[in-house]
């Protein structure tokens, strides 16, 4: 593994795989959260299953945390390597004309998203750890919807969500196609993948923003 990460191609490949893994998780997370808009019971059932099933709690959750840390750490490493390898400054080679704003600012949009994840985990994940493991409470399979609604009553929290998911959309607009390019998925389906990537990059963050705004104004 260390040998792979020592090469530029290996680092980009590993970065791409971690990105694709996180995008699958993001889609799954959205699929559960959007249930809260349509059915309180369905959202509670799905959340209770994800929050109590042993494989999710003790296998998938640690893998997810490791995946997030790895992705953002590798992003910083790649940014540092790219800066050191750059022989001519952007001012001389007109980098703005040769690359998109998103591609030039992936590290900054990534850091903003990482900051949001810290806030999100402090509010949601840590609460779950307290309720289930640190200060165990009686099992209540119906608590999830009420907690979600309460969470989005704060205009500050909702504002943070809106800003964070705008930056996530910008991050994904470049990251989606870049991930597939890094794993060598340049073929006759490339055009379709780029189209799907744009729908995903805009649609999923917009969906999360809608969920936050819906619960803030509907309750």
N, C-alpha and C. Protein backbone atom coordinates (compact mmCIF):
# COMPACT_ATOMS: atom_id res chain seq x y z
N UNK A 1 0.83 -1.21 0.00
CA UNK A 1 0.00 0.00 0.00
C UNK A 1 0.86 1.26 0.00
N UNK A 2 1.91 1.26 0.84
CA UNK A 2 2.79 2.43 0.91
C UNK A 2 3.49 2.66 -0.42
N UNK A 3 3.81 1.55 -1.13
CA UNK A 3 4.46 1.69 -2.43
C UNK A 3 3.56 2.38 -3.43
N UNK A 4 2.28 2.04 -3.41
CA UNK A 4 1.31 2.67 -4.31
C UNK A 4 1.20 4.15 -4.04
N UNK A 5 1.16 4.51 -2.75
CA UNK A 5 0.98 5.92 -2.37
C UNK A 5 2.24 6.74 -2.59
N UNK A 6 3.36 6.09 -2.87
CA UNK A 6 4.60 6.82 -3.13
C UNK A 6 4.68 7.34 -4.55
N UNK A 7 3.82 6.85 -5.44
CA UNK A 7 3.82 7.31 -6.82
C UNK A 7 2.68 8.29 -7.04
N UNK A 8 2.84 9.21 -7.98
CA UNK A 8 1.82 10.21 -8.27
C UNK A 8 0.54 9.55 -8.77
N UNK A 9 0.69 8.58 -9.67
CA UNK A 9 -0.47 7.87 -10.21
C UNK A 9 -1.19 7.09 -9.12
N UNK A 10 -0.40 6.44 -8.24
CA UNK A 10 -0.98 5.67 -7.15
C UNK A 10 -1.76 6.54 -6.19
N UNK A 11 -1.23 7.73 -5.88
CA UNK A 11 -1.93 8.63 -4.96
C UNK A 11 -3.24 9.12 -5.58
N UNK A 12 -3.20 9.45 -6.86
CA UNK A 12 -4.42 9.92 -7.53
C UNK A 12 -5.46 8.80 -7.61
N UNK A 13 -5.00 7.57 -7.85
CA UNK A 13 -5.91 6.43 -7.93
C UNK A 13 -6.57 6.18 -6.57
N UNK A 14 -5.76 6.22 -5.51
CA UNK A 14 -6.29 6.01 -4.15
C UNK A 14 -7.25 7.14 -3.78
N UNK A 15 -6.91 8.36 -4.18
CA UNK A 15 -7.78 9.51 -3.92
C UNK A 15 -9.12 9.32 -4.63
N UNK A 16 -9.07 8.85 -5.87
CA UNK A 16 -10.29 8.64 -6.66
C UNK A 16 -11.17 7.57 -6.04
N UNK A 17 -10.57 6.48 -5.60
CA UNK A 17 -11.35 5.39 -4.99
C UNK A 17 -12.03 5.86 -3.70
N UNK A 18 -11.30 6.63 -2.90
CA UNK A 18 -11.91 7.13 -1.66
C UNK A 18 -13.03 8.11 -1.98
N UNK A 19 -12.87 8.91 -3.05
CA UNK A 19 -13.91 9.85 -3.46
C UNK A 19 -15.18 9.11 -3.89
N UNK A 20 -15.01 8.06 -4.69
CA UNK A 20 -16.16 7.29 -5.15
C UNK A 20 -16.87 6.60 -3.98
N UNK A 21 -16.09 6.12 -3.03
CA UNK A 21 -16.67 5.50 -1.84
C UNK A 21 -17.51 6.51 -1.07
N UNK A 22 -16.99 7.72 -0.90
CA UNK A 22 -17.72 8.75 -0.16
C UNK A 22 -18.95 9.22 -0.92
N UNK A 23 -18.89 9.21 -2.24
CA UNK A 23 -20.06 9.61 -3.02
C UNK A 23 -21.18 8.58 -2.90
N UNK A 24 -20.83 7.30 -2.81
CA UNK A 24 -21.83 6.26 -2.59
C UNK A 24 -22.48 6.45 -1.22
N UNK A 25 -21.65 6.72 -0.21
CA UNK A 25 -22.19 6.97 1.12
C UNK A 25 -23.11 8.18 1.13
N UNK A 26 -22.70 9.25 0.44
CA UNK A 26 -23.50 10.48 0.40
C UNK A 26 -24.87 10.21 -0.21
N UNK A 27 -24.91 9.40 -1.25
CA UNK A 27 -26.18 9.04 -1.89
C UNK A 27 -27.06 8.25 -0.93
N UNK A 28 -26.45 7.31 -0.22
CA UNK A 28 -27.20 6.51 0.76
C UNK A 28 -27.73 7.39 1.89
N UNK A 29 -26.90 8.31 2.35
CA UNK A 29 -27.28 9.22 3.44
C UNK A 29 -28.45 10.10 3.00
N UNK A 30 -28.39 10.57 1.76
CA UNK A 30 -29.48 11.39 1.23
C UNK A 30 -30.77 10.59 1.12
N UNK A 31 -30.65 9.35 0.65
CA UNK A 31 -31.83 8.50 0.47
C UNK A 31 -32.59 8.31 1.78
N UNK A 32 -31.87 8.22 2.89
CA UNK A 32 -32.53 8.08 4.19
C UNK A 32 -33.10 9.41 4.66
N UNK A 33 -32.33 10.48 4.52
CA UNK A 33 -32.78 11.79 5.02
C UNK A 33 -33.99 12.32 4.26
N UNK A 34 -34.07 12.05 2.97
CA UNK A 34 -35.20 12.58 2.20
C UNK A 34 -36.50 11.92 2.63
N UNK A 35 -36.41 10.74 3.25
CA UNK A 35 -37.61 10.08 3.78
C UNK A 35 -38.30 10.95 4.82
N UNK A 36 -37.53 11.78 5.53
CA UNK A 36 -38.10 12.62 6.59
C UNK A 36 -39.08 13.64 6.04
N UNK A 37 -38.97 13.96 4.76
CA UNK A 37 -39.89 14.91 4.14
C UNK A 37 -41.23 14.26 3.83
N UNK A 38 -41.21 12.95 3.54
CA UNK A 38 -42.41 12.27 3.07
C UNK A 38 -43.08 11.38 4.12
N UNK A 39 -42.27 10.80 5.03
CA UNK A 39 -42.85 9.86 5.99
C UNK A 39 -42.03 9.82 7.27
N UNK A 40 -42.63 10.28 8.35
CA UNK A 40 -41.96 10.25 9.65
C UNK A 40 -41.63 8.83 10.05
N UNK A 41 -42.57 7.90 9.85
CA UNK A 41 -42.37 6.51 10.25
C UNK A 41 -41.25 5.85 9.44
N UNK A 42 -41.25 6.08 8.14
CA UNK A 42 -40.22 5.48 7.28
C UNK A 42 -38.84 6.00 7.65
N UNK A 43 -38.76 7.29 7.96
CA UNK A 43 -37.47 7.86 8.36
C UNK A 43 -37.01 7.28 9.68
N UNK A 44 -37.92 7.15 10.64
CA UNK A 44 -37.56 6.57 11.93
C UNK A 44 -37.09 5.12 11.79
N UNK A 45 -37.80 4.35 10.97
CA UNK A 45 -37.43 2.95 10.78
C UNK A 45 -36.05 2.81 10.13
N UNK A 46 -35.81 3.59 9.08
CA UNK A 46 -34.51 3.51 8.40
C UNK A 46 -33.39 3.98 9.32
N UNK A 47 -33.61 5.06 10.04
CA UNK A 47 -32.58 5.60 10.94
C UNK A 47 -32.30 4.64 12.08
N UNK A 48 -33.36 4.02 12.62
CA UNK A 48 -33.17 3.08 13.73
C UNK A 48 -32.38 1.86 13.26
N UNK A 49 -32.67 1.39 12.07
CA UNK A 49 -31.93 0.25 11.53
C UNK A 49 -30.46 0.60 11.37
N UNK A 50 -30.17 1.76 10.74
CA UNK A 50 -28.78 2.17 10.52
C UNK A 50 -28.07 2.44 11.85
N UNK A 51 -28.83 2.88 12.84
CA UNK A 51 -28.23 3.23 14.12
C UNK A 51 -28.05 2.08 15.08
N UNK A 52 -28.62 0.91 14.76
CA UNK A 52 -28.53 -0.22 15.69
C UNK A 52 -27.95 -1.48 15.06
N UNK A 53 -27.97 -1.59 13.74
CA UNK A 53 -27.46 -2.80 13.09
C UNK A 53 -25.96 -2.89 13.32
N UNK A 54 -25.49 -4.02 13.86
CA UNK A 54 -24.09 -4.14 14.30
C UNK A 54 -23.10 -3.93 13.16
N UNK A 55 -23.42 -4.41 11.95
CA UNK A 55 -22.47 -4.28 10.84
C UNK A 55 -22.27 -2.81 10.45
N UNK A 56 -23.34 -2.03 10.54
CA UNK A 56 -23.25 -0.61 10.24
C UNK A 56 -22.44 0.11 11.31
N UNK A 57 -22.74 -0.19 12.56
CA UNK A 57 -22.10 0.51 13.68
C UNK A 57 -20.62 0.17 13.84
N UNK A 58 -20.28 -1.11 13.70
CA UNK A 58 -18.92 -1.53 14.06
C UNK A 58 -18.03 -1.90 12.88
N UNK A 59 -18.59 -1.89 11.67
CA UNK A 59 -17.77 -2.15 10.48
C UNK A 59 -17.83 -0.97 9.51
N UNK A 60 -19.04 -0.65 9.05
CA UNK A 60 -19.18 0.40 8.04
C UNK A 60 -18.86 1.78 8.60
N UNK A 61 -19.29 2.06 9.83
CA UNK A 61 -19.03 3.38 10.40
C UNK A 61 -17.54 3.66 10.58
N UNK A 62 -16.76 2.73 11.15
CA UNK A 62 -15.32 2.97 11.23
C UNK A 62 -14.66 3.11 9.85
N UNK A 63 -15.11 2.30 8.88
CA UNK A 63 -14.57 2.41 7.52
C UNK A 63 -14.87 3.79 6.93
N UNK A 64 -16.08 4.29 7.19
CA UNK A 64 -16.45 5.61 6.70
C UNK A 64 -15.57 6.69 7.30
N UNK A 65 -15.36 6.63 8.60
CA UNK A 65 -14.52 7.64 9.27
C UNK A 65 -13.10 7.60 8.72
N UNK A 66 -12.56 6.39 8.56
CA UNK A 66 -11.22 6.25 7.99
C UNK A 66 -11.19 6.79 6.56
N UNK A 67 -12.26 6.50 5.78
CA UNK A 67 -12.34 6.97 4.40
C UNK A 67 -12.34 8.49 4.32
N UNK A 68 -13.07 9.15 5.22
CA UNK A 68 -13.12 10.61 5.23
C UNK A 68 -11.75 11.19 5.57
N UNK A 69 -11.12 10.65 6.62
CA UNK A 69 -9.80 11.14 7.03
C UNK A 69 -8.78 10.92 5.91
N UNK A 70 -8.82 9.73 5.30
CA UNK A 70 -7.88 9.41 4.23
C UNK A 70 -8.08 10.35 3.04
N UNK A 71 -9.33 10.59 2.66
CA UNK A 71 -9.61 11.41 1.48
C UNK A 71 -9.09 12.83 1.65
N UNK A 72 -9.38 13.43 2.78
CA UNK A 72 -8.95 14.80 2.99
C UNK A 72 -7.45 14.91 3.23
N UNK A 73 -6.88 13.91 3.90
CA UNK A 73 -5.42 13.91 4.08
C UNK A 73 -4.72 13.77 2.74
N UNK A 74 -5.19 12.84 1.91
CA UNK A 74 -4.60 12.64 0.59
C UNK A 74 -4.79 13.87 -0.29
N UNK A 75 -5.91 14.56 -0.13
CA UNK A 75 -6.13 15.79 -0.88
C UNK A 75 -5.10 16.85 -0.55
N UNK A 76 -4.77 16.98 0.73
CA UNK A 76 -3.75 17.94 1.15
C UNK A 76 -2.38 17.52 0.63
N UNK A 77 -2.08 16.23 0.70
CA UNK A 77 -0.80 15.72 0.21
C UNK A 77 -0.65 16.00 -1.29
N UNK A 78 -1.69 15.72 -2.06
CA UNK A 78 -1.65 15.96 -3.50
C UNK A 78 -1.49 17.43 -3.82
N UNK A 79 -2.17 18.29 -3.05
CA UNK A 79 -2.05 19.72 -3.27
C UNK A 79 -0.62 20.20 -3.02
N UNK A 80 -0.01 19.71 -1.94
CA UNK A 80 1.37 20.09 -1.63
C UNK A 80 2.32 19.59 -2.72
N UNK A 81 2.13 18.34 -3.15
CA UNK A 81 2.97 17.76 -4.21
C UNK A 81 2.82 18.54 -5.52
N UNK A 82 1.59 18.91 -5.84
CA UNK A 82 1.34 19.65 -7.08
C UNK A 82 1.99 21.03 -7.04
N UNK A 83 1.92 21.67 -5.90
CA UNK A 83 2.52 23.00 -5.77
C UNK A 83 4.04 22.93 -5.91
N UNK A 84 4.64 21.90 -5.32
CA UNK A 84 6.09 21.75 -5.41
C UNK A 84 6.54 21.41 -6.83
N UNK A 85 5.68 20.65 -7.55
CA UNK A 85 6.05 20.22 -8.90
C UNK A 85 5.80 21.29 -9.95
N UNK A 86 5.08 22.31 -9.59
CA UNK A 86 4.73 23.35 -10.56
C UNK A 86 5.94 24.24 -10.84
N UNK A 87 6.41 24.23 -12.04
CA UNK A 87 7.61 24.98 -12.39
C UNK A 87 7.32 26.42 -12.78
N UNK A 88 6.12 26.65 -13.30
CA UNK A 88 5.76 27.99 -13.75
C UNK A 88 4.52 28.43 -13.00
N UNK A 89 4.51 29.64 -12.57
CA UNK A 89 3.39 30.12 -11.76
C UNK A 89 2.14 30.26 -12.62
N UNK A 90 0.98 30.30 -11.96
CA UNK A 90 -0.28 30.48 -12.66
C UNK A 90 -0.29 31.82 -13.42
N UNK A 91 0.40 32.79 -12.86
CA UNK A 91 0.42 34.10 -13.50
C UNK A 91 1.08 34.04 -14.87
N UNK A 92 2.07 33.15 -15.02
CA UNK A 92 2.80 33.05 -16.28
C UNK A 92 2.12 32.12 -17.28
N UNK A 93 1.56 31.04 -16.80
CA UNK A 93 0.96 30.09 -17.76
C UNK A 93 -0.54 30.27 -17.91
N UNK A 94 -1.07 31.34 -17.28
CA UNK A 94 -2.50 31.65 -17.40
C UNK A 94 -3.34 30.45 -16.99
N UNK A 95 -3.11 29.98 -15.76
CA UNK A 95 -3.80 28.81 -15.27
C UNK A 95 -5.31 28.97 -15.26
N UNK A 96 -5.80 30.21 -15.05
CA UNK A 96 -7.24 30.42 -15.01
C UNK A 96 -7.90 30.09 -16.35
N UNK A 97 -7.12 30.24 -17.44
CA UNK A 97 -7.68 29.94 -18.76
C UNK A 97 -7.62 28.46 -19.07
N UNK A 98 -6.74 27.72 -18.38
CA UNK A 98 -6.52 26.31 -18.68
C UNK A 98 -7.24 25.36 -17.73
N UNK A 99 -7.83 25.87 -16.68
CA UNK A 99 -8.53 25.02 -15.73
C UNK A 99 -9.70 25.78 -15.12
N UNK A 100 -10.66 25.03 -14.61
CA UNK A 100 -11.85 25.66 -14.03
C UNK A 100 -11.56 26.16 -12.62
N UNK A 101 -12.44 27.05 -12.15
CA UNK A 101 -12.30 27.56 -10.78
C UNK A 101 -12.37 26.40 -9.79
N UNK A 102 -13.27 25.44 -10.06
CA UNK A 102 -13.44 24.30 -9.15
C UNK A 102 -12.16 23.49 -9.03
N UNK A 103 -11.49 23.23 -10.17
CA UNK A 103 -10.28 22.40 -10.13
C UNK A 103 -9.14 23.11 -9.42
N UNK A 104 -9.09 24.44 -9.54
CA UNK A 104 -8.00 25.19 -8.90
C UNK A 104 -8.23 25.38 -7.40
N UNK A 105 -9.47 25.18 -6.95
CA UNK A 105 -9.78 25.46 -5.55
C UNK A 105 -10.34 24.24 -4.82
N UNK A 106 -10.01 23.04 -5.30
CA UNK A 106 -10.49 21.82 -4.66
C UNK A 106 -10.05 21.73 -3.20
N UNK A 107 -8.84 22.18 -2.92
CA UNK A 107 -8.32 22.07 -1.56
C UNK A 107 -9.14 22.97 -0.62
N UNK A 108 -9.55 24.16 -1.10
CA UNK A 108 -10.28 25.09 -0.24
C UNK A 108 -11.73 24.64 -0.05
N UNK A 109 -12.38 24.20 -1.13
CA UNK A 109 -13.74 23.69 -0.96
C UNK A 109 -13.73 22.44 -0.08
N UNK A 110 -12.66 21.63 -0.22
CA UNK A 110 -12.54 20.44 0.62
C UNK A 110 -12.37 20.79 2.08
N UNK A 111 -11.59 21.81 2.38
CA UNK A 111 -11.38 22.21 3.77
C UNK A 111 -12.66 22.77 4.39
N UNK A 112 -13.44 23.49 3.59
CA UNK A 112 -14.71 24.01 4.09
C UNK A 112 -15.66 22.85 4.41
N UNK A 113 -15.69 21.86 3.52
CA UNK A 113 -16.53 20.68 3.76
C UNK A 113 -16.07 19.93 5.00
N UNK A 114 -14.75 19.82 5.16
CA UNK A 114 -14.21 19.14 6.34
C UNK A 114 -14.62 19.88 7.61
N UNK A 115 -14.59 21.21 7.57
CA UNK A 115 -15.02 21.99 8.72
C UNK A 115 -16.49 21.74 9.04
N UNK A 116 -17.30 21.64 7.99
CA UNK A 116 -18.72 21.33 8.18
C UNK A 116 -18.90 19.96 8.81
N UNK A 117 -18.11 18.99 8.38
CA UNK A 117 -18.22 17.64 8.94
C UNK A 117 -17.90 17.63 10.43
N UNK A 118 -16.96 18.46 10.84
CA UNK A 118 -16.63 18.56 12.26
C UNK A 118 -17.85 19.07 13.04
N UNK A 119 -18.48 20.12 12.50
CA UNK A 119 -19.68 20.68 13.14
C UNK A 119 -20.81 19.65 13.15
N UNK A 120 -20.99 18.97 12.01
CA UNK A 120 -22.06 17.98 11.87
C UNK A 120 -21.87 16.82 12.86
N UNK A 121 -20.63 16.33 12.96
CA UNK A 121 -20.36 15.21 13.86
C UNK A 121 -20.50 15.64 15.31
N UNK A 122 -20.15 16.88 15.61
CA UNK A 122 -20.29 17.37 16.98
C UNK A 122 -21.76 17.44 17.38
N UNK A 123 -22.63 17.74 16.40
CA UNK A 123 -24.05 17.89 16.71
C UNK A 123 -24.83 16.59 16.59
N UNK A 124 -24.48 15.75 15.62
CA UNK A 124 -25.27 14.55 15.35
C UNK A 124 -24.57 13.28 15.85
N UNK A 125 -23.38 13.03 15.33
CA UNK A 125 -22.68 11.78 15.64
C UNK A 125 -22.35 11.68 17.12
N UNK A 126 -21.86 12.76 17.72
CA UNK A 126 -21.49 12.72 19.14
C UNK A 126 -22.72 12.50 20.01
N UNK A 127 -23.84 13.10 19.60
CA UNK A 127 -25.09 12.88 20.33
C UNK A 127 -25.47 11.40 20.29
N UNK A 128 -25.31 10.76 19.14
CA UNK A 128 -25.61 9.34 19.02
C UNK A 128 -24.70 8.51 19.93
N UNK A 129 -23.43 8.86 19.99
CA UNK A 129 -22.49 8.13 20.85
C UNK A 129 -22.89 8.28 22.32
N UNK A 130 -23.34 9.47 22.69
CA UNK A 130 -23.75 9.71 24.07
C UNK A 130 -24.97 8.87 24.42
N UNK A 131 -25.97 8.90 23.54
CA UNK A 131 -27.23 8.21 23.80
C UNK A 131 -27.06 6.70 23.84
N UNK A 132 -26.20 6.17 22.97
CA UNK A 132 -26.10 4.71 22.83
C UNK A 132 -25.00 4.07 23.67
N UNK A 133 -23.89 4.80 23.89
CA UNK A 133 -22.74 4.14 24.50
C UNK A 133 -22.21 4.83 25.76
N UNK A 134 -22.09 6.14 25.75
CA UNK A 134 -21.45 6.83 26.87
C UNK A 134 -22.42 6.99 28.04
N UNK A 135 -23.61 7.46 27.73
CA UNK A 135 -24.66 7.60 28.75
C UNK A 135 -25.93 6.95 28.20
N UNK A 136 -25.97 5.61 28.18
CA UNK A 136 -27.04 4.89 27.49
C UNK A 136 -28.44 5.29 27.95
N UNK A 137 -29.30 5.54 26.96
CA UNK A 137 -30.69 5.87 27.21
C UNK A 137 -31.57 4.70 26.77
N UNK A 138 -32.79 4.61 27.30
CA UNK A 138 -33.72 3.56 26.84
C UNK A 138 -33.92 3.66 25.33
N UNK A 139 -33.96 2.52 24.67
CA UNK A 139 -34.11 2.49 23.22
C UNK A 139 -35.45 3.10 22.82
N UNK A 140 -35.39 4.08 21.92
CA UNK A 140 -36.59 4.74 21.42
C UNK A 140 -36.47 4.81 19.90
N UNK A 141 -37.19 3.95 19.22
CA UNK A 141 -37.10 3.86 17.76
C UNK A 141 -37.82 4.99 17.05
N UNK A 142 -38.46 5.87 17.82
CA UNK A 142 -39.21 6.97 17.19
C UNK A 142 -38.57 8.34 17.44
N UNK A 143 -37.40 8.36 18.04
CA UNK A 143 -36.79 9.63 18.43
C UNK A 143 -36.14 10.38 17.27
N UNK A 144 -35.80 9.69 16.20
CA UNK A 144 -34.95 10.26 15.15
C UNK A 144 -35.59 11.44 14.43
N UNK A 145 -36.87 11.32 14.10
CA UNK A 145 -37.54 12.40 13.38
C UNK A 145 -37.61 13.66 14.23
N UNK A 146 -38.00 13.52 15.48
CA UNK A 146 -38.10 14.68 16.36
C UNK A 146 -36.75 15.35 16.55
N UNK A 147 -35.70 14.56 16.66
CA UNK A 147 -34.36 15.11 16.83
C UNK A 147 -33.91 15.85 15.57
N UNK A 148 -34.27 15.32 14.40
CA UNK A 148 -33.92 15.98 13.15
C UNK A 148 -34.62 17.32 13.02
N UNK A 149 -35.91 17.34 13.33
CA UNK A 149 -36.68 18.58 13.26
C UNK A 149 -36.11 19.61 14.22
N UNK A 150 -35.82 19.18 15.43
CA UNK A 150 -35.25 20.09 16.43
C UNK A 150 -33.91 20.65 15.97
N UNK A 151 -33.11 19.80 15.34
CA UNK A 151 -31.79 20.20 14.86
C UNK A 151 -31.89 21.35 13.86
N UNK A 152 -32.91 21.30 13.01
CA UNK A 152 -33.02 22.29 11.94
C UNK A 152 -33.86 23.50 12.33
N UNK A 153 -34.19 23.65 13.61
CA UNK A 153 -34.89 24.84 14.05
C UNK A 153 -33.94 26.03 14.18
N UNK A 154 -32.67 25.75 14.33
CA UNK A 154 -31.68 26.82 14.47
C UNK A 154 -31.34 27.42 13.11
N UNK A 155 -31.55 28.73 12.93
CA UNK A 155 -31.19 29.36 11.65
C UNK A 155 -29.69 29.32 11.39
N UNK A 156 -28.90 29.28 12.46
CA UNK A 156 -27.45 29.20 12.31
C UNK A 156 -27.05 27.86 11.70
N UNK A 157 -27.62 26.78 12.24
CA UNK A 157 -27.34 25.45 11.72
C UNK A 157 -27.78 25.33 10.26
N UNK A 158 -28.98 25.83 9.97
CA UNK A 158 -29.49 25.77 8.60
C UNK A 158 -28.59 26.57 7.66
N UNK A 159 -28.16 27.74 8.11
CA UNK A 159 -27.26 28.57 7.31
C UNK A 159 -25.95 27.86 7.02
N UNK A 160 -25.41 27.19 8.02
CA UNK A 160 -24.16 26.43 7.84
C UNK A 160 -24.38 25.31 6.83
N UNK A 161 -25.52 24.63 6.92
CA UNK A 161 -25.83 23.56 5.97
C UNK A 161 -25.89 24.10 4.53
N UNK A 162 -26.59 25.20 4.35
CA UNK A 162 -26.74 25.76 3.01
C UNK A 162 -25.39 26.12 2.40
N UNK A 163 -24.58 26.84 3.15
CA UNK A 163 -23.26 27.24 2.66
C UNK A 163 -22.39 26.02 2.39
N UNK A 164 -22.38 25.06 3.33
CA UNK A 164 -21.54 23.86 3.19
C UNK A 164 -21.91 23.06 1.95
N UNK A 165 -23.21 22.91 1.68
CA UNK A 165 -23.62 22.10 0.54
C UNK A 165 -23.46 22.83 -0.78
N UNK A 166 -23.43 24.15 -0.76
CA UNK A 166 -23.06 24.89 -1.97
C UNK A 166 -21.61 24.59 -2.33
N UNK A 167 -20.75 24.61 -1.32
CA UNK A 167 -19.34 24.30 -1.57
C UNK A 167 -19.15 22.83 -1.93
N UNK A 168 -19.99 21.96 -1.36
CA UNK A 168 -19.92 20.55 -1.74
C UNK A 168 -20.26 20.37 -3.21
N UNK A 169 -21.26 21.11 -3.70
CA UNK A 169 -21.63 21.04 -5.11
C UNK A 169 -20.46 21.48 -5.99
N UNK A 170 -19.81 22.55 -5.60
CA UNK A 170 -18.64 23.03 -6.36
C UNK A 170 -17.52 21.99 -6.34
N UNK A 171 -17.33 21.37 -5.20
CA UNK A 171 -16.30 20.34 -5.05
C UNK A 171 -16.61 19.13 -5.94
N UNK A 172 -17.87 18.72 -5.95
CA UNK A 172 -18.27 17.54 -6.71
C UNK A 172 -18.28 17.80 -8.22
N UNK A 173 -18.54 19.03 -8.63
CA UNK A 173 -18.60 19.33 -10.06
C UNK A 173 -17.28 19.00 -10.75
N UNK A 174 -16.18 19.18 -10.04
CA UNK A 174 -14.89 18.77 -10.59
C UNK A 174 -14.51 17.37 -10.12
N UNK A 175 -14.80 17.07 -8.87
CA UNK A 175 -14.34 15.82 -8.27
C UNK A 175 -14.93 14.58 -8.89
N UNK A 176 -16.19 14.63 -9.32
CA UNK A 176 -16.84 13.45 -9.88
C UNK A 176 -16.13 12.99 -11.15
N UNK A 177 -15.98 13.88 -12.11
CA UNK A 177 -15.34 13.50 -13.37
C UNK A 177 -13.86 13.21 -13.16
N UNK A 178 -13.22 13.93 -12.24
CA UNK A 178 -11.81 13.71 -11.97
C UNK A 178 -11.57 12.32 -11.40
N UNK A 179 -12.48 11.86 -10.53
CA UNK A 179 -12.33 10.54 -9.93
C UNK A 179 -12.39 9.44 -10.98
N UNK A 180 -13.35 9.54 -11.89
CA UNK A 180 -13.48 8.54 -12.95
C UNK A 180 -12.29 8.59 -13.92
N UNK A 181 -11.79 9.80 -14.16
CA UNK A 181 -10.62 9.93 -15.03
C UNK A 181 -9.40 9.29 -14.40
N UNK A 182 -9.26 9.43 -13.08
CA UNK A 182 -8.10 8.90 -12.38
C UNK A 182 -8.07 7.38 -12.34
N UNK A 183 -9.25 6.75 -12.41
CA UNK A 183 -9.27 5.28 -12.41
C UNK A 183 -9.32 4.72 -13.83
N UNK A 184 -9.16 5.62 -14.83
CA UNK A 184 -9.07 5.18 -16.21
C UNK A 184 -10.39 4.93 -16.89
N UNK A 185 -11.46 5.55 -16.41
CA UNK A 185 -12.78 5.32 -17.01
C UNK A 185 -13.05 6.29 -18.15
N UNK A 186 -12.10 6.42 -19.07
CA UNK A 186 -12.29 7.25 -20.25
C UNK A 186 -12.64 6.34 -21.42
N UNK A 187 -13.90 6.25 -21.74
CA UNK A 187 -14.36 5.36 -22.81
C UNK A 187 -15.60 5.95 -23.46
N UNK A 188 -16.34 5.13 -24.18
CA UNK A 188 -17.52 5.63 -24.89
C UNK A 188 -18.61 6.13 -23.94
N UNK A 189 -18.50 5.77 -22.65
CA UNK A 189 -19.50 6.21 -21.68
C UNK A 189 -19.09 7.50 -20.95
N UNK A 190 -17.93 8.07 -21.33
CA UNK A 190 -17.42 9.24 -20.62
C UNK A 190 -18.40 10.40 -20.65
N UNK A 191 -18.99 10.64 -21.79
CA UNK A 191 -19.93 11.75 -21.92
C UNK A 191 -21.14 11.57 -21.00
N UNK A 192 -21.66 10.33 -20.97
CA UNK A 192 -22.80 10.04 -20.10
C UNK A 192 -22.41 10.18 -18.63
N UNK A 193 -21.20 9.74 -18.27
CA UNK A 193 -20.73 9.87 -16.89
C UNK A 193 -20.62 11.33 -16.48
N UNK A 194 -20.13 12.17 -17.40
CA UNK A 194 -20.01 13.59 -17.09
C UNK A 194 -21.39 14.21 -16.88
N UNK A 195 -22.35 13.78 -17.71
CA UNK A 195 -23.71 14.29 -17.54
C UNK A 195 -24.31 13.85 -16.22
N UNK A 196 -24.13 12.57 -15.89
CA UNK A 196 -24.63 12.07 -14.61
C UNK A 196 -23.92 12.76 -13.45
N UNK A 197 -22.60 13.01 -13.63
CA UNK A 197 -21.83 13.68 -12.58
C UNK A 197 -22.36 15.06 -12.27
N UNK A 198 -22.76 15.81 -13.30
CA UNK A 198 -23.30 17.14 -13.08
C UNK A 198 -24.64 17.07 -12.35
N UNK A 199 -25.47 16.09 -12.74
CA UNK A 199 -26.77 15.92 -12.06
C UNK A 199 -26.55 15.56 -10.60
N UNK A 200 -25.61 14.64 -10.35
CA UNK A 200 -25.30 14.22 -8.98
C UNK A 200 -24.73 15.39 -8.19
N UNK A 201 -23.75 16.09 -8.76
CA UNK A 201 -23.04 17.16 -8.06
C UNK A 201 -23.96 18.30 -7.65
N UNK A 202 -24.97 18.58 -8.45
CA UNK A 202 -25.91 19.65 -8.13
C UNK A 202 -27.13 19.11 -7.38
N UNK A 203 -27.63 17.96 -7.82
CA UNK A 203 -28.87 17.43 -7.27
C UNK A 203 -28.78 16.98 -5.83
N UNK A 204 -27.72 16.25 -5.47
CA UNK A 204 -27.61 15.73 -4.09
C UNK A 204 -27.41 16.87 -3.08
N UNK A 205 -26.46 17.80 -3.29
CA UNK A 205 -26.36 18.92 -2.35
C UNK A 205 -27.63 19.76 -2.28
N UNK A 206 -28.28 19.98 -3.44
CA UNK A 206 -29.54 20.74 -3.44
C UNK A 206 -30.61 20.00 -2.64
N UNK A 207 -30.60 18.68 -2.72
CA UNK A 207 -31.54 17.89 -1.95
C UNK A 207 -31.34 18.05 -0.46
N UNK A 208 -30.09 18.05 -0.01
CA UNK A 208 -29.80 18.24 1.41
C UNK A 208 -30.21 19.64 1.87
N UNK A 209 -29.97 20.64 1.03
CA UNK A 209 -30.38 22.00 1.35
C UNK A 209 -31.91 22.07 1.49
N UNK A 210 -32.61 21.41 0.57
CA UNK A 210 -34.07 21.38 0.62
C UNK A 210 -34.56 20.75 1.92
N UNK A 211 -33.94 19.66 2.34
CA UNK A 211 -34.34 18.98 3.58
C UNK A 211 -34.19 19.92 4.78
N UNK A 212 -33.06 20.60 4.84
CA UNK A 212 -32.81 21.53 5.95
C UNK A 212 -33.83 22.66 5.95
N UNK A 213 -34.06 23.27 4.79
CA UNK A 213 -35.00 24.39 4.70
C UNK A 213 -36.44 23.93 4.97
N UNK A 214 -36.78 22.76 4.47
CA UNK A 214 -38.13 22.22 4.67
C UNK A 214 -38.44 22.08 6.16
N UNK A 215 -37.56 21.46 6.91
CA UNK A 215 -37.82 21.23 8.33
C UNK A 215 -37.72 22.52 9.14
N UNK A 216 -36.94 23.47 8.65
CA UNK A 216 -36.83 24.74 9.36
C UNK A 216 -38.12 25.56 9.24
N UNK A 217 -38.71 25.57 8.05
CA UNK A 217 -39.89 26.41 7.82
C UNK A 217 -41.21 25.68 8.01
N UNK A 218 -41.19 24.35 7.98
CA UNK A 218 -42.45 23.59 8.07
C UNK A 218 -42.85 23.28 9.50
N UNK A 219 -41.96 23.53 10.46
CA UNK A 219 -42.27 23.16 11.85
C UNK A 219 -42.12 24.36 12.78
